[in-house]
Amino acid sequence: MHQFPIQIHSFGEVKAFIALATVQPFRITVCHEDQQVNAKSFIGMMCLDYSKPINVFCECCDADFQSFRQQAARFIA
């Protein structure tokens, strides 16, 4: 499993990150403190506190992770 932190500042960024996560062929989980949600779930993502960076966990191979991380570069904290 791979991980990286992101920081989201607006509703538009939440929607953009969900859109990016949704097209990935692997499982992506976003965690903040004791909350874990599916990054492809709009309702789950809207329940998180974005006042601090959150961690993204990807269940994929190294090549897929590097590609996704590069696509998500604008969100990386």
N, C-alpha and C. Protein backbone atom coordinates (compact mmCIF):
# COMPACT_ATOMS: atom_id res chain seq x y z
N MET A 1 0.84 -1.18 0.00
CA MET A 1 0.00 0.00 0.00
C MET A 1 0.89 1.25 0.00
N HIS A 2 0.48 2.23 -0.76
CA HIS A 2 1.22 3.49 -0.89
C HIS A 2 0.39 4.62 -0.30
N GLN A 3 1.06 5.68 0.13
CA GLN A 3 0.32 6.81 0.67
C GLN A 3 1.00 8.14 0.40
N PHE A 4 0.20 9.21 0.45
CA PHE A 4 0.72 10.57 0.38
C PHE A 4 -0.32 11.51 0.99
N PRO A 5 0.12 12.64 1.53
CA PRO A 5 -0.81 13.60 2.13
C PRO A 5 -1.33 14.58 1.09
N ILE A 6 -2.58 15.01 1.26
CA ILE A 6 -3.14 16.05 0.41
C ILE A 6 -3.76 17.14 1.28
N GLN A 7 -3.92 18.30 0.71
CA GLN A 7 -4.61 19.41 1.36
C GLN A 7 -5.65 19.93 0.37
N ILE A 8 -6.89 19.97 0.81
CA ILE A 8 -7.98 20.45 -0.02
C ILE A 8 -8.56 21.69 0.63
N HIS A 9 -8.81 22.71 -0.20
CA HIS A 9 -9.23 24.01 0.33
C HIS A 9 -10.64 24.44 -0.06
N SER A 10 -11.27 23.74 -1.00
CA SER A 10 -12.58 24.20 -1.46
C SER A 10 -13.43 23.02 -1.92
N PHE A 11 -14.72 23.30 -2.06
CA PHE A 11 -15.65 22.31 -2.58
C PHE A 11 -15.25 21.88 -3.99
N GLY A 12 -14.80 22.83 -4.79
CA GLY A 12 -14.36 22.52 -6.15
C GLY A 12 -13.20 21.55 -6.17
N GLU A 13 -12.27 21.72 -5.23
CA GLU A 13 -11.13 20.80 -5.14
C GLU A 13 -11.57 19.42 -4.68
N VAL A 14 -12.56 19.34 -3.80
CA VAL A 14 -13.09 18.03 -3.39
C VAL A 14 -13.66 17.32 -4.62
N LYS A 15 -14.47 18.01 -5.39
CA LYS A 15 -15.05 17.42 -6.60
C LYS A 15 -13.97 17.00 -7.59
N ALA A 16 -12.93 17.83 -7.75
CA ALA A 16 -11.86 17.50 -8.70
C ALA A 16 -11.08 16.27 -8.23
N PHE A 17 -10.83 16.17 -6.93
CA PHE A 17 -10.10 14.99 -6.43
C PHE A 17 -10.94 13.73 -6.58
N ILE A 18 -12.23 13.81 -6.29
CA ILE A 18 -13.11 12.65 -6.46
C ILE A 18 -13.13 12.21 -7.93
N ALA A 19 -13.21 13.17 -8.84
CA ALA A 19 -13.21 12.85 -10.27
C ALA A 19 -11.92 12.14 -10.67
N LEU A 20 -10.81 12.59 -10.13
CA LEU A 20 -9.52 11.96 -10.42
C LEU A 20 -9.46 10.55 -9.83
N ALA A 21 -9.93 10.40 -8.60
CA ALA A 21 -9.90 9.09 -7.94
C ALA A 21 -10.83 8.09 -8.62
N THR A 22 -11.96 8.55 -9.07
CA THR A 22 -12.98 7.68 -9.65
C THR A 22 -12.50 6.93 -10.89
N VAL A 23 -11.63 7.52 -11.66
CA VAL A 23 -11.17 6.87 -12.90
C VAL A 23 -10.00 5.92 -12.68
N GLN A 24 -9.51 5.83 -11.45
CA GLN A 24 -8.40 4.92 -11.16
C GLN A 24 -8.94 3.50 -10.99
N PRO A 25 -8.23 2.49 -11.50
CA PRO A 25 -8.72 1.11 -11.44
C PRO A 25 -8.40 0.40 -10.13
N PHE A 26 -7.98 1.13 -9.11
CA PHE A 26 -7.61 0.52 -7.83
C PHE A 26 -8.30 1.24 -6.69
N ARG A 27 -8.26 0.62 -5.52
CA ARG A 27 -8.92 1.17 -4.33
C ARG A 27 -8.10 2.34 -3.77
N ILE A 28 -8.81 3.43 -3.45
CA ILE A 28 -8.18 4.61 -2.85
C ILE A 28 -8.99 4.96 -1.60
N THR A 29 -8.31 5.04 -0.48
CA THR A 29 -8.93 5.38 0.79
C THR A 29 -8.32 6.68 1.30
N VAL A 30 -9.17 7.55 1.82
CA VAL A 30 -8.71 8.81 2.39
C VAL A 30 -8.96 8.74 3.89
N CYS A 31 -7.94 9.09 4.68
CA CYS A 31 -8.03 8.99 6.14
C CYS A 31 -7.71 10.31 6.80
N HIS A 32 -8.52 10.64 7.79
CA HIS A 32 -8.26 11.81 8.62
C HIS A 32 -8.60 11.42 10.05
N GLU A 33 -7.58 11.43 10.91
CA GLU A 33 -7.71 11.02 12.30
C GLU A 33 -8.36 9.64 12.35
N ASP A 34 -9.57 9.50 12.89
CA ASP A 34 -10.19 8.18 13.01
C ASP A 34 -11.20 7.88 11.91
N GLN A 35 -11.30 8.75 10.91
CA GLN A 35 -12.23 8.55 9.80
C GLN A 35 -11.51 7.96 8.59
N GLN A 36 -12.14 6.98 7.96
CA GLN A 36 -11.65 6.41 6.71
C GLN A 36 -12.81 6.39 5.72
N VAL A 37 -12.59 6.93 4.54
CA VAL A 37 -13.64 6.93 3.52
C VAL A 37 -13.07 6.52 2.17
N ASN A 38 -13.94 6.02 1.33
CA ASN A 38 -13.59 5.69 -0.04
C ASN A 38 -13.44 7.01 -0.80
N ALA A 39 -12.30 7.23 -1.41
CA ALA A 39 -12.04 8.48 -2.13
C ALA A 39 -12.94 8.65 -3.35
N LYS A 40 -13.62 7.59 -3.75
CA LYS A 40 -14.51 7.65 -4.91
C LYS A 40 -15.96 7.94 -4.49
N SER A 41 -16.18 8.10 -3.19
CA SER A 41 -17.51 8.34 -2.65
C SER A 41 -17.71 9.83 -2.36
N PHE A 42 -18.63 10.45 -3.07
CA PHE A 42 -18.89 11.87 -2.87
C PHE A 42 -19.36 12.14 -1.44
N ILE A 43 -20.30 11.35 -0.96
CA ILE A 43 -20.83 11.55 0.39
C ILE A 43 -19.74 11.34 1.43
N GLY A 44 -18.94 10.29 1.28
CA GLY A 44 -17.85 10.04 2.22
C GLY A 44 -16.85 11.18 2.24
N MET A 45 -16.47 11.65 1.08
CA MET A 45 -15.48 12.73 1.00
C MET A 45 -16.02 14.03 1.58
N MET A 46 -17.32 14.27 1.48
CA MET A 46 -17.89 15.50 2.01
C MET A 46 -17.96 15.49 3.54
N CYS A 47 -17.79 14.34 4.15
CA CYS A 47 -17.86 14.22 5.62
C CYS A 47 -16.54 14.50 6.31
N LEU A 48 -15.47 14.68 5.56
CA LEU A 48 -14.15 14.87 6.17
C LEU A 48 -13.90 16.33 6.56
N ASP A 49 -13.01 16.50 7.52
CA ASP A 49 -12.57 17.83 7.95
C ASP A 49 -11.32 18.17 7.14
N TYR A 50 -11.39 19.21 6.34
CA TYR A 50 -10.29 19.59 5.47
C TYR A 50 -9.45 20.73 6.04
N SER A 51 -9.58 21.01 7.31
CA SER A 51 -8.79 22.09 7.91
C SER A 51 -7.32 21.71 8.06
N LYS A 52 -7.03 20.42 7.98
CA LYS A 52 -5.66 19.90 8.07
C LYS A 52 -5.42 18.94 6.91
N PRO A 53 -4.17 18.66 6.59
CA PRO A 53 -3.91 17.67 5.53
C PRO A 53 -4.50 16.31 5.89
N ILE A 54 -4.89 15.57 4.87
CA ILE A 54 -5.41 14.21 5.05
C ILE A 54 -4.52 13.25 4.26
N ASN A 55 -4.55 11.99 4.63
CA ASN A 55 -3.71 10.99 3.98
C ASN A 55 -4.51 10.17 2.97
N VAL A 56 -3.89 9.93 1.83
CA VAL A 56 -4.47 9.12 0.77
C VAL A 56 -3.71 7.80 0.71
N PHE A 57 -4.43 6.69 0.76
CA PHE A 57 -3.84 5.36 0.69
C PHE A 57 -4.31 4.68 -0.59
N CYS A 58 -3.36 4.15 -1.35
CA CYS A 58 -3.66 3.51 -2.63
C CYS A 58 -3.23 2.05 -2.60
N GLU A 59 -4.12 1.18 -3.01
CA GLU A 59 -3.82 -0.25 -3.10
C GLU A 59 -3.54 -0.57 -4.57
N CYS A 60 -2.27 -0.39 -4.97
CA CYS A 60 -1.92 -0.55 -6.37
C CYS A 60 -0.42 -0.83 -6.50
N CYS A 61 0.01 -1.08 -7.71
CA CYS A 61 1.42 -1.31 -7.97
C CYS A 61 2.17 0.03 -8.01
N ASP A 62 3.47 -0.02 -7.98
CA ASP A 62 4.30 1.19 -7.96
C ASP A 62 4.04 2.10 -9.16
N ALA A 63 3.92 1.53 -10.33
CA ALA A 63 3.73 2.33 -11.54
C ALA A 63 2.39 3.07 -11.50
N ASP A 64 1.32 2.38 -11.09
CA ASP A 64 0.01 3.03 -10.98
C ASP A 64 0.04 4.12 -9.92
N PHE A 65 0.72 3.85 -8.82
CA PHE A 65 0.82 4.85 -7.75
C PHE A 65 1.53 6.10 -8.24
N GLN A 66 2.65 5.94 -8.91
CA GLN A 66 3.40 7.09 -9.39
C GLN A 66 2.58 7.92 -10.38
N SER A 67 1.84 7.23 -11.23
CA SER A 67 0.98 7.93 -12.19
C SER A 67 -0.12 8.71 -11.48
N PHE A 68 -0.80 8.08 -10.52
CA PHE A 68 -1.86 8.76 -9.79
C PHE A 68 -1.31 9.92 -8.97
N ARG A 69 -0.20 9.70 -8.31
CA ARG A 69 0.41 10.76 -7.50
C ARG A 69 0.76 11.96 -8.37
N GLN A 70 1.26 11.72 -9.55
CA GLN A 70 1.60 12.80 -10.47
C GLN A 70 0.33 13.55 -10.91
N GLN A 71 -0.75 12.81 -11.19
CA GLN A 71 -2.01 13.45 -11.57
C GLN A 71 -2.60 14.25 -10.41
N ALA A 72 -2.33 13.83 -9.19
CA ALA A 72 -2.87 14.51 -8.00
C ALA A 72 -1.90 15.53 -7.42
N ALA A 73 -0.88 15.88 -8.15
CA ALA A 73 0.19 16.75 -7.63
C ALA A 73 -0.33 18.08 -7.09
N ARG A 74 -1.38 18.63 -7.67
CA ARG A 74 -1.87 19.94 -7.20
C ARG A 74 -2.50 19.87 -5.82
N PHE A 75 -2.83 18.65 -5.36
CA PHE A 75 -3.43 18.49 -4.04
C PHE A 75 -2.41 18.11 -2.96
N ILE A 76 -1.22 17.74 -3.34
CA ILE A 76 -0.23 17.24 -2.38
C ILE A 76 0.15 18.34 -1.40
N ALA A 77 0.09 17.97 -0.13
CA ALA A 77 0.40 18.94 0.95
C ALA A 77 1.90 19.10 1.11
